[in-house]
Structure formats: structure tokens, C-alpha cells
């Protein structure tokens, strides 16, 4: 399990690299594939989906795939995973590394936008 946690921690944001690498052909193929899998347009643009799709070629381990896919609150709170899934470890670690729980940051940003209007 320790190896899976380390691999998941290292790979959880690999989707950001893909999004920022300016690889239009790859991204276009990826978006087409995700749409064929009935992934919503909103979710298709998330780095966690890019990352999961990318690592599927290299590992079939569902713990690692789930950790990459589910490392944000919006995804993990609706996920059907075991309570002891390592995805929770990656989610908590990601929040710690960000300096705060993203849910609070997102609510604060929404409230700030409302006040600025």
C-alpha cells in the first residue's frame, strides 16, 4: 500500500501537465474519448480526468486511478469507493499542500465575486 500512496501522490496532478503542455492533437483525442464515455463537457476539462485517462495506459490499478481522478472534493464526495481508499489520503494531502481546504477557498471566491457585483 505504501508504494501505491507514493505513486498516487506523485501522479495525482499529471493532468495539469497534459493541459499545460500545449499538445492540441493529444488533448483533442482525449476530449473525444471522454465524450464517447459520456463524461460531461464540464468534467472533460478537469485535470483529474485528463490525468486518469493518461495513466490508464500505464497502470490498471484502480487505487492509483481513483487517486488521480478523485483528489478534489467535488469528485470524491460523490464517489463510490471504499472508506479506506488511498484516494482519501491523496485528497487530504492535496488540501494540505494547497494550504487550505479547497471547499472553503471556492466558497470564499464565490462570495467575493458576489460582493464585487
PDB file of N, CA and C in Angstrom:
ATOM      1  N   UNK A   1       0.816  -1.202   0.000  1.00  0.00           N
ATOM      2  CA  UNK A   1       0.000   0.000   0.000  1.00  0.00           C
ATOM      3  C   UNK A   1       0.852   1.255   0.000  1.00  0.00           C
ATOM      4  N   UNK A   2       1.989   1.245   0.676  1.00  0.00           N
ATOM      5  CA  UNK A   2       2.838   2.439   0.715  1.00  0.00           C
ATOM      6  C   UNK A   2       3.305   2.867  -0.673  1.00  0.00           C
ATOM      7  N   UNK A   3       3.650   1.883  -1.514  1.00  0.00           N
ATOM      8  CA  UNK A   3       4.078   2.214  -2.881  1.00  0.00           C
ATOM      9  C   UNK A   3       2.954   2.870  -3.663  1.00  0.00           C
ATOM     10  N   UNK A   4       1.738   2.373  -3.491  1.00  0.00           N
ATOM     11  CA  UNK A   4       0.593   2.961  -4.188  1.00  0.00           C
ATOM     12  C   UNK A   4       0.355   4.402  -3.750  1.00  0.00           C
ATOM     13  N   UNK A   5       0.502   4.666  -2.474  1.00  0.00           N
ATOM     14  CA  UNK A   5       0.317   6.029  -1.967  1.00  0.00           C
ATOM     15  C   UNK A   5       1.360   6.954  -2.578  1.00  0.00           C
ATOM     16  N   UNK A   6       2.600   6.510  -2.620  1.00  0.00           N
ATOM     17  CA  UNK A   6       3.681   7.329  -3.185  1.00  0.00           C
ATOM     18  C   UNK A   6       3.434   7.584  -4.672  1.00  0.00           C
ATOM     19  N   UNK A   7       3.118   6.530  -5.417  1.00  0.00           N
ATOM     20  CA  UNK A   7       2.861   6.685  -6.850  1.00  0.00           C
ATOM     21  C   UNK A   7       1.668   7.613  -7.070  1.00  0.00           C
ATOM     22  N   UNK A   8       0.603   7.414  -6.323  1.00  0.00           N
ATOM     23  CA  UNK A   8      -0.586   8.261  -6.455  1.00  0.00           C
ATOM     24  C   UNK A   8      -0.281   9.710  -6.128  1.00  0.00           C
ATOM     25  N   UNK A   9       0.485   9.933  -5.079  1.00  0.00           N
ATOM     26  CA  UNK A   9       0.844  11.301  -4.692  1.00  0.00           C
ATOM     27  C   UNK A   9       1.655  11.986  -5.786  1.00  0.00           C
ATOM     28  N   UNK A  10       2.556  11.248  -6.381  1.00  0.00           N
ATOM     29  CA  UNK A  10       3.387  11.827  -7.443  1.00  0.00           C
ATOM     30  C   UNK A  10       2.588  12.099  -8.720  1.00  0.00           C
ATOM     31  N   UNK A  11       1.595  11.278  -8.990  1.00  0.00           N
ATOM     32  CA  UNK A  11       0.868  11.375 -10.258  1.00  0.00           C
ATOM     33  C   UNK A  11      -0.462  12.125 -10.179  1.00  0.00           C
ATOM     34  N   UNK A  12      -0.920  12.493  -9.004  1.00  0.00           N
ATOM     35  CA  UNK A  12      -2.288  12.988  -8.891  1.00  0.00           C
ATOM     36  C   UNK A  12      -2.556  14.235  -9.731  1.00  0.00           C
ATOM     37  N   UNK A  13      -1.566  15.048 -10.009  1.00  0.00           N
ATOM     38  CA  UNK A  13      -1.758  16.256 -10.821  1.00  0.00           C
ATOM     39  C   UNK A  13      -1.151  16.145 -12.217  1.00  0.00           C
ATOM     40  N   UNK A  14      -0.899  14.938 -12.692  1.00  0.00           N
ATOM     41  CA  UNK A  14      -0.298  14.765 -14.011  1.00  0.00           C
ATOM     42  C   UNK A  14      -1.194  15.366 -15.099  1.00  0.00           C
ATOM     43  N   UNK A  15      -2.483  15.430 -14.864  1.00  0.00           N
ATOM     44  CA  UNK A  15      -3.400  16.031 -15.825  1.00  0.00           C
ATOM     45  C   UNK A  15      -3.113  17.508 -16.070  1.00  0.00           C
ATOM     46  N   UNK A  16      -2.593  18.196 -15.061  1.00  0.00           N
ATOM     47  CA  UNK A  16      -2.218  19.609 -15.243  1.00  0.00           C
ATOM     48  C   UNK A  16      -1.085  19.733 -16.251  1.00  0.00           C
ATOM     49  N   UNK A  17      -0.139  18.806 -16.201  1.00  0.00           N
ATOM     50  CA  UNK A  17       0.963  18.820 -17.171  1.00  0.00           C
ATOM     51  C   UNK A  17       0.438  18.655 -18.585  1.00  0.00           C
ATOM     52  N   UNK A  18      -0.500  17.749 -18.748  1.00  0.00           N
ATOM     53  CA  UNK A  18      -1.066  17.497 -20.072  1.00  0.00           C
ATOM     54  C   UNK A  18      -1.799  18.738 -20.574  1.00  0.00           C
ATOM     55  N   UNK A  19      -2.595  19.354 -19.703  1.00  0.00           N
ATOM     56  CA  UNK A  19      -3.338  20.555 -20.099  1.00  0.00           C
ATOM     57  C   UNK A  19      -2.402  21.701 -20.468  1.00  0.00           C
ATOM     58  N   UNK A  20      -1.304  21.830 -19.771  1.00  0.00           N
ATOM     59  CA  UNK A  20      -0.411  22.970 -19.967  1.00  0.00           C
ATOM     60  C   UNK A  20       0.683  22.722 -20.990  1.00  0.00           C
ATOM     61  N   UNK A  21       0.797  21.491 -21.466  1.00  0.00           N
ATOM     62  CA  UNK A  21       1.870  21.129 -22.389  1.00  0.00           C
ATOM     63  C   UNK A  21       1.612  21.585 -23.811  1.00  0.00           C
ATOM     64  N   UNK A  22       0.453  22.117 -24.080  1.00  0.00           N
ATOM     65  CA  UNK A  22       0.105  22.619 -25.414  1.00  0.00           C
ATOM     66  C   UNK A  22       0.251  21.519 -26.465  1.00  0.00           C
ATOM     67  N   UNK A  23      -0.458  20.419 -26.227  1.00  0.00           N
ATOM     68  CA  UNK A  23      -0.465  19.297 -27.164  1.00  0.00           C
ATOM     69  C   UNK A  23      -1.878  19.175 -27.743  1.00  0.00           C
ATOM     70  N   UNK A  24      -2.240  20.036 -28.685  1.00  0.00           N
ATOM     71  CA  UNK A  24      -3.630  20.086 -29.156  1.00  0.00           C
ATOM     72  C   UNK A  24      -4.140  18.764 -29.726  1.00  0.00           C
ATOM     73  N   UNK A  25      -3.323  18.019 -30.437  1.00  0.00           N
ATOM     74  CA  UNK A  25      -3.785  16.751 -31.014  1.00  0.00           C
ATOM     75  C   UNK A  25      -4.142  15.752 -29.924  1.00  0.00           C
ATOM     76  N   UNK A  26      -3.262  15.639 -28.942  1.00  0.00           N
ATOM     77  CA  UNK A  26      -3.500  14.701 -27.839  1.00  0.00           C
ATOM     78  C   UNK A  26      -4.747  15.114 -27.060  1.00  0.00           C
ATOM     79  N   UNK A  27      -4.856  16.390 -26.737  1.00  0.00           N
ATOM     80  CA  UNK A  27      -5.991  16.884 -25.959  1.00  0.00           C
ATOM     81  C   UNK A  27      -7.293  16.697 -26.735  1.00  0.00           C
ATOM     82  N   UNK A  28      -7.253  16.943 -28.017  1.00  0.00           N
ATOM     83  CA  UNK A  28      -8.440  16.759 -28.846  1.00  0.00           C
ATOM     84  C   UNK A  28      -8.887  15.301 -28.843  1.00  0.00           C
ATOM     85  N   UNK A  29      -7.936  14.368 -28.988  1.00  0.00           N
ATOM     86  CA  UNK A  29      -8.269  12.933 -28.938  1.00  0.00           C
ATOM     87  C   UNK A  29      -8.823  12.554 -27.564  1.00  0.00           C
ATOM     88  N   UNK A  30      -8.214  13.113 -26.533  1.00  0.00           N
ATOM     89  CA  UNK A  30      -8.644  12.823 -25.168  1.00  0.00           C
ATOM     90  C   UNK A  30     -10.074  13.302 -24.935  1.00  0.00           C
ATOM     91  N   UNK A  31     -10.375  14.505 -25.341  1.00  0.00           N
ATOM     92  CA  UNK A  31     -11.723  15.045 -25.170  1.00  0.00           C
ATOM     93  C   UNK A  31     -12.733  14.209 -25.940  1.00  0.00           C
ATOM     94  N   UNK A  32     -12.386  13.807 -27.155  1.00  0.00           N
ATOM     95  CA  UNK A  32     -13.280  12.953 -27.940  1.00  0.00           C
ATOM     96  C   UNK A  32     -13.536  11.628 -27.228  1.00  0.00           C
ATOM     97  N   UNK A  33     -12.490  11.035 -26.687  1.00  0.00           N
ATOM     98  CA  UNK A  33     -12.621   9.757 -25.967  1.00  0.00           C
ATOM     99  C   UNK A  33     -13.511   9.923 -24.738  1.00  0.00           C
ATOM    100  N   UNK A  34     -13.287  10.957 -23.971  1.00  0.00           N
ATOM    101  CA  UNK A  34     -14.083  11.163 -22.765  1.00  0.00           C
ATOM    102  C   UNK A  34     -15.547  11.426 -23.100  1.00  0.00           C
ATOM    103  N   UNK A  35     -15.793  12.141 -24.183  1.00  0.00           N
ATOM    104  CA  UNK A  35     -17.180  12.388 -24.601  1.00  0.00           C
ATOM    105  C   UNK A  35     -17.853  11.081 -25.011  1.00  0.00           C
ATOM    106  N   UNK A  36     -17.098  10.193 -25.675  1.00  0.00           N
ATOM    107  CA  UNK A  36     -17.657   8.886 -26.045  1.00  0.00           C
ATOM    108  C   UNK A  36     -18.024   8.086 -24.800  1.00  0.00           C
ATOM    109  N   UNK A  37     -17.311   8.349 -23.699  1.00  0.00           N
ATOM    110  CA  UNK A  37     -17.595   7.672 -22.432  1.00  0.00           C
ATOM    111  C   UNK A  37     -18.687   8.402 -21.651  1.00  0.00           C
ATOM    112  N   UNK A  38     -19.338   9.364 -22.304  1.00  0.00           N
ATOM    113  CA  UNK A  38     -20.428  10.144 -21.702  1.00  0.00           C
ATOM    114  C   UNK A  38     -20.002  10.965 -20.493  1.00  0.00           C
ATOM    115  N   UNK A  39     -18.772  11.421 -20.507  1.00  0.00           N
ATOM    116  CA  UNK A  39     -18.307  12.341 -19.476  1.00  0.00           C
ATOM    117  C   UNK A  39     -18.815  13.723 -19.860  1.00  0.00           C
ATOM    118  N   UNK A  40     -19.350  14.449 -18.897  1.00  0.00           N
ATOM    119  CA  UNK A  40     -19.941  15.754 -19.204  1.00  0.00           C
ATOM    120  C   UNK A  40     -18.885  16.734 -19.710  1.00  0.00           C
ATOM    121  N   UNK A  41     -19.355  17.742 -20.446  1.00  0.00           N
ATOM    122  CA  UNK A  41     -18.449  18.749 -21.013  1.00  0.00           C
ATOM    123  C   UNK A  41     -17.658  19.444 -19.908  1.00  0.00           C
ATOM    124  N   UNK A  42     -18.321  19.730 -18.795  1.00  0.00           N
ATOM    125  CA  UNK A  42     -17.657  20.405 -17.677  1.00  0.00           C
ATOM    126  C   UNK A  42     -16.524  19.540 -17.107  1.00  0.00           C
ATOM    127  N   UNK A  43     -16.788  18.251 -16.962  1.00  0.00           N
ATOM    128  CA  UNK A  43     -15.793  17.357 -16.387  1.00  0.00           C
ATOM    129  C   UNK A  43     -14.652  17.067 -17.346  1.00  0.00           C
ATOM    130  N   UNK A  44     -14.939  17.089 -18.646  1.00  0.00           N
ATOM    131  CA  UNK A  44     -13.913  16.814 -19.654  1.00  0.00           C
ATOM    132  C   UNK A  44     -12.733  17.777 -19.524  1.00  0.00           C
ATOM    133  N   UNK A  45     -12.981  18.978 -19.056  1.00  0.00           N
ATOM    134  CA  UNK A  45     -11.908  19.980 -18.969  1.00  0.00           C
ATOM    135  C   UNK A  45     -11.122  19.915 -17.664  1.00  0.00           C
ATOM    136  N   UNK A  46     -11.479  19.033 -16.761  1.00  0.00           N
ATOM    137  CA  UNK A  46     -10.793  18.942 -15.466  1.00  0.00           C
ATOM    138  C   UNK A  46      -9.496  18.145 -15.586  1.00  0.00           C
ATOM    139  N   UNK A  47      -8.469  18.628 -14.921  1.00  0.00           N
ATOM    140  CA  UNK A  47      -7.172  17.954 -14.997  1.00  0.00           C
ATOM    141  C   UNK A  47      -7.217  16.558 -14.402  1.00  0.00           C
ATOM    142  N   UNK A  48      -8.115  16.306 -13.460  1.00  0.00           N
ATOM    143  CA  UNK A  48      -8.186  14.969 -12.874  1.00  0.00           C
ATOM    144  C   UNK A  48      -8.640  13.930 -13.908  1.00  0.00           C
ATOM    145  N   UNK A  49      -9.534  14.319 -14.813  1.00  0.00           N
ATOM    146  CA  UNK A  49      -9.957  13.395 -15.875  1.00  0.00           C
ATOM    147  C   UNK A  49      -8.842  13.192 -16.896  1.00  0.00           C
ATOM    148  N   UNK A  50      -8.151  14.273 -17.255  1.00  0.00           N
ATOM    149  CA  UNK A  50      -7.001  14.145 -18.157  1.00  0.00           C
ATOM    150  C   UNK A  50      -5.974  13.185 -17.551  1.00  0.00           C
ATOM    151  N   UNK A  51      -5.714  13.369 -16.272  1.00  0.00           N
ATOM    152  CA  UNK A  51      -4.714  12.544 -15.591  1.00  0.00           C
ATOM    153  C   UNK A  51      -5.089  11.083 -15.543  1.00  0.00           C
ATOM    154  N   UNK A  52      -6.335  10.802 -15.161  1.00  0.00           N
ATOM    155  CA  UNK A  52      -6.772   9.404 -15.111  1.00  0.00           C
ATOM    156  C   UNK A  52      -6.681   8.749 -16.479  1.00  0.00           C
ATOM    157  N   UNK A  53      -7.124   9.451 -17.493  1.00  0.00           N
ATOM    158  CA  UNK A  53      -7.070   8.905 -18.848  1.00  0.00           C
ATOM    159  C   UNK A  53      -5.617   8.600 -19.237  1.00  0.00           C
ATOM    160  N   UNK A  54      -4.724   9.493 -18.908  1.00  0.00           N
ATOM    161  CA  UNK A  54      -3.316   9.324 -19.248  1.00  0.00           C
ATOM    162  C   UNK A  54      -2.719   8.110 -18.541  1.00  0.00           C
ATOM    163  N   UNK A  55      -2.945   7.976 -17.234  1.00  0.00           N
ATOM    164  CA  UNK A  55      -2.294   6.879 -16.505  1.00  0.00           C
ATOM    165  C   UNK A  55      -2.922   5.516 -16.777  1.00  0.00           C
ATOM    166  N   UNK A  56      -4.140   5.491 -17.333  1.00  0.00           N
ATOM    167  CA  UNK A  56      -4.753   4.207 -17.668  1.00  0.00           C
ATOM    168  C   UNK A  56      -3.885   3.387 -18.614  1.00  0.00           C
ATOM    169  N   UNK A  57      -3.063   4.066 -19.401  1.00  0.00           N
ATOM    170  CA  UNK A  57      -2.189   3.362 -20.347  1.00  0.00           C
ATOM    171  C   UNK A  57      -1.028   2.664 -19.632  1.00  0.00           C
ATOM    172  N   UNK A  58      -0.744   3.103 -18.416  1.00  0.00           N
ATOM    173  CA  UNK A  58       0.440   2.622 -17.711  1.00  0.00           C
ATOM    174  C   UNK A  58       0.124   1.760 -16.502  1.00  0.00           C
ATOM    175  N   UNK A  59      -1.080   1.878 -15.962  1.00  0.00           N
ATOM    176  CA  UNK A  59      -1.453   1.042 -14.827  1.00  0.00           C
ATOM    177  C   UNK A  59      -2.944   0.759 -14.858  1.00  0.00           C
ATOM    178  N   UNK A  60      -3.286  -0.441 -14.513  1.00  0.00           N
ATOM    179  CA  UNK A  60      -4.697  -0.824 -14.392  1.00  0.00           C
ATOM    180  C   UNK A  60      -5.120  -0.826 -12.919  1.00  0.00           C
ATOM    181  N   UNK A  61      -4.234  -0.391 -12.048  1.00  0.00           N
ATOM    182  CA  UNK A  61      -4.510  -0.374 -10.616  1.00  0.00           C
ATOM    183  C   UNK A  61      -5.594   0.659 -10.302  1.00  0.00           C
ATOM    184  N   UNK A  62      -6.749   0.186  -9.846  1.00  0.00           N
ATOM    185  CA  UNK A  62      -7.876   1.097  -9.596  1.00  0.00           C
ATOM    186  C   UNK A  62      -7.610   2.052  -8.437  1.00  0.00           C
ATOM    187  N   UNK A  63      -6.794   1.660  -7.473  1.00  0.00           N
ATOM    188  CA  UNK A  63      -6.462   2.574  -6.368  1.00  0.00           C
ATOM    189  C   UNK A  63      -5.709   3.795  -6.888  1.00  0.00           C
ATOM    190  N   UNK A  64      -4.754   3.566  -7.751  1.00  0.00           N
ATOM    191  CA  UNK A  64      -3.967   4.680  -8.307  1.00  0.00           C
ATOM    192  C   UNK A  64      -4.841   5.514  -9.236  1.00  0.00           C
ATOM    193  N   UNK A  65      -5.613   4.855 -10.092  1.00  0.00           N
ATOM    194  CA  UNK A  65      -6.504   5.598 -10.993  1.00  0.00           C
ATOM    195  C   UNK A  65      -7.504   6.448 -10.212  1.00  0.00           C
ATOM    196  N   UNK A  66      -8.102   5.877  -9.162  1.00  0.00           N
ATOM    197  CA  UNK A  66      -9.049   6.631  -8.346  1.00  0.00           C
ATOM    198  C   UNK A  66      -8.390   7.800  -7.635  1.00  0.00           C
ATOM    199  N   UNK A  67      -7.176   7.616  -7.202  1.00  0.00           N
ATOM    200  CA  UNK A  67      -6.468   8.699  -6.511  1.00  0.00           C
ATOM    201  C   UNK A  67      -6.227   9.883  -7.435  1.00  0.00           C
ATOM    202  N   UNK A  68      -5.917   9.598  -8.682  1.00  0.00           N
ATOM    203  CA  UNK A  68      -5.710  10.673  -9.661  1.00  0.00           C
ATOM    204  C   UNK A  68      -7.048  11.326 -10.004  1.00  0.00           C
ATOM    205  N   UNK A  69      -8.069  10.524 -10.189  1.00  0.00           N
ATOM    206  CA  UNK A  69      -9.379  11.035 -10.591  1.00  0.00           C
ATOM    207  C   UNK A  69     -10.103  11.780  -9.470  1.00  0.00           C
ATOM    208  N   UNK A  70      -9.939  11.335  -8.242  1.00  0.00           N
ATOM    209  CA  UNK A  70     -10.795  11.796  -7.146  1.00  0.00           C
ATOM    210  C   UNK A  70     -10.095  12.676  -6.114  1.00  0.00           C
ATOM    211  N   UNK A  71      -9.062  13.386  -6.489  1.00  0.00           N
ATOM    212  CA  UNK A  71      -8.315  14.131  -5.470  1.00  0.00           C
ATOM    213  C   UNK A  71      -8.863  15.516  -5.150  1.00  0.00           C
ATOM    214  N   UNK A  72     -10.050  15.834  -5.661  1.00  0.00           N
ATOM    215  CA  UNK A  72     -10.730  17.091  -5.315  1.00  0.00           C
ATOM    216  C   UNK A  72     -12.082  16.768  -4.694  1.00  0.00           C
ATOM    217  N   UNK A  73     -12.560  17.672  -3.856  1.00  0.00           N
ATOM    218  CA  UNK A  73     -13.786  17.450  -3.100  1.00  0.00           C
ATOM    219  C   UNK A  73     -14.979  17.093  -3.978  1.00  0.00           C
ATOM    220  N   UNK A  74     -15.175  17.831  -5.039  1.00  0.00           N
ATOM    221  CA  UNK A  74     -16.345  17.621  -5.888  1.00  0.00           C
ATOM    222  C   UNK A  74     -16.417  16.184  -6.401  1.00  0.00           C
ATOM    223  N   UNK A  75     -15.283  15.606  -6.733  1.00  0.00           N
ATOM    224  CA  UNK A  75     -15.266  14.240  -7.250  1.00  0.00           C
ATOM    225  C   UNK A  75     -15.369  13.203  -6.135  1.00  0.00           C
ATOM    226  N   UNK A  76     -14.618  13.411  -5.057  1.00  0.00           N
ATOM    227  CA  UNK A  76     -14.538  12.365  -4.031  1.00  0.00           C
ATOM    228  C   UNK A  76     -15.815  12.262  -3.205  1.00  0.00           C
ATOM    229  N   UNK A  77     -16.522  13.384  -3.014  1.00  0.00           N
ATOM    230  CA  UNK A  77     -17.718  13.309  -2.176  1.00  0.00           C
ATOM    231  C   UNK A  77     -18.835  12.514  -2.835  1.00  0.00           C
ATOM    232  N   UNK A  78     -18.807  12.366  -4.142  1.00  0.00           N
ATOM    233  CA  UNK A  78     -19.829  11.599  -4.850  1.00  0.00           C
ATOM    234  C   UNK A  78     -19.329  10.235  -5.324  1.00  0.00           C
ATOM    235  N   UNK A  79     -18.120   9.903  -4.953  1.00  0.00           N
ATOM    236  CA  UNK A  79     -17.516   8.663  -5.441  1.00  0.00           C
ATOM    237  C   UNK A  79     -18.007   7.453  -4.662  1.00  0.00           C
ATOM    238  N   UNK A  80     -18.083   6.343  -5.345  1.00  0.00           N
ATOM    239  CA  UNK A  80     -18.460   5.076  -4.725  1.00  0.00           C
ATOM    240  C   UNK A  80     -17.179   4.274  -4.501  1.00  0.00           C
ATOM    241  N   UNK A  81     -16.451   4.657  -3.466  1.00  0.00           N
ATOM    242  CA  UNK A  81     -15.185   3.987  -3.158  1.00  0.00           C
ATOM    243  C   UNK A  81     -15.194   3.559  -1.692  1.00  0.00           C
ATOM    244  N   UNK A  82     -14.314   2.644  -1.387  1.00  0.00           N
ATOM    245  CA  UNK A  82     -14.179   2.129  -0.032  1.00  0.00           C
ATOM    246  C   UNK A  82     -13.759   3.240   0.936  1.00  0.00           C
ATOM    247  N   UNK A  83     -14.255   3.218   2.155  1.00  0.00           N
ATOM    248  CA  UNK A  83     -13.866   4.237   3.139  1.00  0.00           C
ATOM    249  C   UNK A  83     -12.365   4.254   3.442  1.00  0.00           C
ATOM    250  N   UNK A  84     -11.686   3.158   3.159  1.00  0.00           N
ATOM    251  CA  UNK A  84     -10.243   3.127   3.398  1.00  0.00           C
ATOM    252  C   UNK A  84      -9.435   3.255   2.109  1.00  0.00           C
ATOM    253  N   UNK A  85     -10.042   3.817   1.077  1.00  0.00           N
ATOM    254  CA  UNK A  85      -9.356   4.028  -0.203  1.00  0.00           C
ATOM    255  C   UNK A  85      -8.209   5.022  -0.034  1.00  0.00           C
ATOM    256  N   UNK A  86      -7.119   4.753  -0.724  1.00  0.00           N
ATOM    257  CA  UNK A  86      -5.991   5.692  -0.659  1.00  0.00           C
ATOM    258  C   UNK A  86      -6.320   7.014  -1.351  1.00  0.00           C
ATOM    259  N   UNK A  87      -7.416   7.043  -2.104  1.00  0.00           N
ATOM    260  CA  UNK A  87      -7.841   8.309  -2.720  1.00  0.00           C
ATOM    261  C   UNK A  87      -8.091   9.365  -1.645  1.00  0.00           C
ATOM    262  N   UNK A  88      -8.561   8.943  -0.474  1.00  0.00           N
ATOM    263  CA  UNK A  88      -8.781   9.891   0.625  1.00  0.00           C
ATOM    264  C   UNK A  88      -7.462  10.462   1.137  1.00  0.00           C
ATOM    265  N   UNK A  89      -6.436   9.636   1.170  1.00  0.00           N
ATOM    266  CA  UNK A  89      -5.117  10.110   1.602  1.00  0.00           C
ATOM    267  C   UNK A  89      -4.614  11.181   0.641  1.00  0.00           C
ATOM    268  N   UNK A  90      -4.765  10.926  -0.645  1.00  0.00           N
ATOM    269  CA  UNK A  90      -4.306  11.884  -1.657  1.00  0.00           C
ATOM    270  C   UNK A  90      -5.143  13.160  -1.596  1.00  0.00           C
ATOM    271  N   UNK A  91      -6.454  13.016  -1.411  1.00  0.00           N
ATOM    272  CA  UNK A  91      -7.333  14.181  -1.290  1.00  0.00           C
ATOM    273  C   UNK A  91      -6.908  15.064  -0.108  1.00  0.00           C
ATOM    274  N   UNK A  92      -6.713  14.455   1.043  1.00  0.00           N
ATOM    275  CA  UNK A  92      -6.317  15.214   2.236  1.00  0.00           C
ATOM    276  C   UNK A  92      -4.937  15.833   2.037  1.00  0.00           C
ATOM    277  N   UNK A  93      -4.012  15.079   1.490  1.00  0.00           N
ATOM    278  CA  UNK A  93      -2.658  15.597   1.237  1.00  0.00           C
ATOM    279  C   UNK A  93      -2.693  16.770   0.268  1.00  0.00           C
ATOM    280  N   UNK A  94      -3.508  16.666  -0.755  1.00  0.00           N
ATOM    281  CA  UNK A  94      -3.626  17.745  -1.732  1.00  0.00           C
ATOM    282  C   UNK A  94      -4.161  19.013  -1.060  1.00  0.00           C
ATOM    283  N   UNK A  95      -5.132  18.859  -0.190  1.00  0.00           N
ATOM    284  CA  UNK A  95      -5.655  20.017   0.538  1.00  0.00           C
ATOM    285  C   UNK A  95      -4.602  20.627   1.453  1.00  0.00           C
ATOM    286  N   UNK A  96      -3.844  19.801   2.117  1.00  0.00           N
ATOM    287  CA  UNK A  96      -2.784  20.315   2.997  1.00  0.00           C
ATOM    288  C   UNK A  96      -1.747  21.070   2.177  1.00  0.00           C
ATOM    289  N   UNK A  97      -1.354  20.484   1.042  1.00  0.00           N
ATOM    290  CA  UNK A  97      -0.329  21.140   0.224  1.00  0.00           C
ATOM    291  C   UNK A  97      -0.826  22.448  -0.370  1.00  0.00           C
ATOM    292  N   UNK A  98      -2.120  22.559  -0.564  1.00  0.00           N
ATOM    293  CA  UNK A  98      -2.693  23.802  -1.091  1.00  0.00           C
ATOM    294  C   UNK A  98      -2.787  24.873  -0.003  1.00  0.00           C
ATOM    295  N   UNK A  99      -2.579  24.466   1.221  1.00  0.00           N
ATOM    296  CA  UNK A  99      -2.583  25.430   2.325  1.00  0.00           C
ATOM    297  C   UNK A  99      -3.931  25.606   2.977  1.00  0.00           C
ATOM    298  N   UNK A 100      -4.975  25.071   2.378  1.00  0.00           N
ATOM    299  CA  UNK A 100      -6.313  25.175   2.964  1.00  0.00           C
ATOM    300  C   UNK A 100      -7.255  24.233   2.228  1.00  0.00           C
ATOM    301  N   UNK A 101      -8.345  23.933   2.856  1.00  0.00           N
ATOM    302  CA  UNK A 101      -9.355  23.104   2.225  1.00  0.00           C
ATOM    303  C   UNK A 101      -9.959  23.870   1.069  1.00  0.00           C
ATOM    304  N   UNK A 102      -9.915  23.288  -0.130  1.00  0.00           N
ATOM    305  CA  UNK A 102     -10.399  23.973  -1.336  1.00  0.00           C
ATOM    306  C   UNK A 102     -11.870  24.358  -1.246  1.00  0.00           C
ATOM    307  N   UNK A 103     -12.650  23.577  -0.518  1.00  0.00           N
ATOM    308  CA  UNK A 103     -14.072  23.915  -0.408  1.00  0.00           C
ATOM    309  C   UNK A 103     -14.238  25.310   0.173  1.00  0.00           C
ATOM    310  N   UNK A 104     -13.459  25.647   1.208  1.00  0.00           N
ATOM    311  CA  UNK A 104     -13.549  26.977   1.808  1.00  0.00           C
ATOM    312  C   UNK A 104     -13.053  28.032   0.825  1.00  0.00           C
ATOM    313  N   UNK A 105     -11.955  27.758   0.146  1.00  0.00           N
ATOM    314  CA  UNK A 105     -11.421  28.715  -0.828  1.00  0.00           C
ATOM    315  C   UNK A 105     -12.418  28.983  -1.950  1.00  0.00           C
ATOM    316  N   UNK A 106     -13.068  27.929  -2.423  1.00  0.00           N
ATOM    317  CA  UNK A 106     -14.034  28.098  -3.502  1.00  0.00           C
ATOM    318  C   UNK A 106     -15.235  28.912  -3.032  1.00  0.00           C
ATOM    319  N   UNK A 107     -15.727  28.646  -1.821  1.00  0.00           N
ATOM    320  CA  UNK A 107     -16.853  29.423  -1.281  1.00  0.00           C
ATOM    321  C   UNK A 107     -16.447  30.876  -1.095  1.00  0.00           C
ATOM    322  N   UNK A 108     -15.227  31.119  -0.582  1.00  0.00           N
ATOM    323  CA  UNK A 108     -14.746  32.490  -0.392  1.00  0.00           C
ATOM    324  C   UNK A 108     -14.661  33.234  -1.723  1.00  0.00           C
ATOM    325  N   UNK A 109     -14.173  32.552  -2.755  1.00  0.00           N
ATOM    326  CA  UNK A 109     -14.056  33.184  -4.075  1.00  0.00           C
ATOM    327  C   UNK A 109     -15.437  33.522  -4.635  1.00  0.00           C
ATOM    328  N   UNK A 110     -16.390  32.603  -4.459  1.00  0.00           N
ATOM    329  CA  UNK A 110     -17.754  32.868  -4.928  1.00  0.00           C
ATOM    330  C   UNK A 110     -18.359  34.056  -4.192  1.00  0.00           C
ATOM    331  N   UNK A 111     -18.170  34.109  -2.883  1.00  0.00           N
ATOM    332  CA  UNK A 111     -18.698  35.219  -2.100  1.00  0.00           C
ATOM    333  C   UNK A 111     -18.054  36.546  -2.493  1.00  0.00           C
ATOM    334  N   UNK A 112     -16.762  36.514  -2.782  1.00  0.00           N
ATOM    335  CA  UNK A 112     -16.061  37.727  -3.193  1.00  0.00           C
ATOM    336  C   UNK A 112     -16.629  38.235  -4.520  1.00  0.00           C
ATOM    337  N   UNK A 113     -16.877  37.323  -5.457  1.00  0.00           N
ATOM    338  CA  UNK A 113     -17.442  37.723  -6.763  1.00  0.00           C
ATOM    339  C   UNK A 113     -18.810  38.350  -6.584  1.00  0.00           C
ATOM    340  N   UNK A 114     -19.606  37.780  -5.698  1.00  0.00           N
ATOM    341  CA  UNK A 114     -20.937  38.318  -5.449  1.00  0.00           C
ATOM    342  C   UNK A 114     -20.856  39.731  -4.874  1.00  0.00           C
ATOM    343  N   UNK A 115     -19.897  39.948  -3.993  1.00  0.00           N
ATOM    344  CA  UNK A 115     -19.733  41.268  -3.365  1.00  0.00           C
ATOM    345  C   UNK A 115     -19.227  42.318  -4.364  1.00  0.00           C
ATOM    346  N   UNK A 116     -18.447  41.878  -5.335  1.00  0.00           N
ATOM    347  CA  UNK A 116     -17.880  42.805  -6.314  1.00  0.00           C
ATOM    348  C   UNK A 116     -18.911  43.275  -7.338  1.00  0.00           C
ATOM    349  N   UNK A 117     -19.994  42.549  -7.466  1.00  0.00           N
ATOM    350  CA  UNK A 117     -21.020  42.912  -8.471  1.00  0.00           C
ATOM    351  C   UNK A 117     -21.822  44.109  -8.061  1.00  0.00           C
TER     352      UNK A 117
END
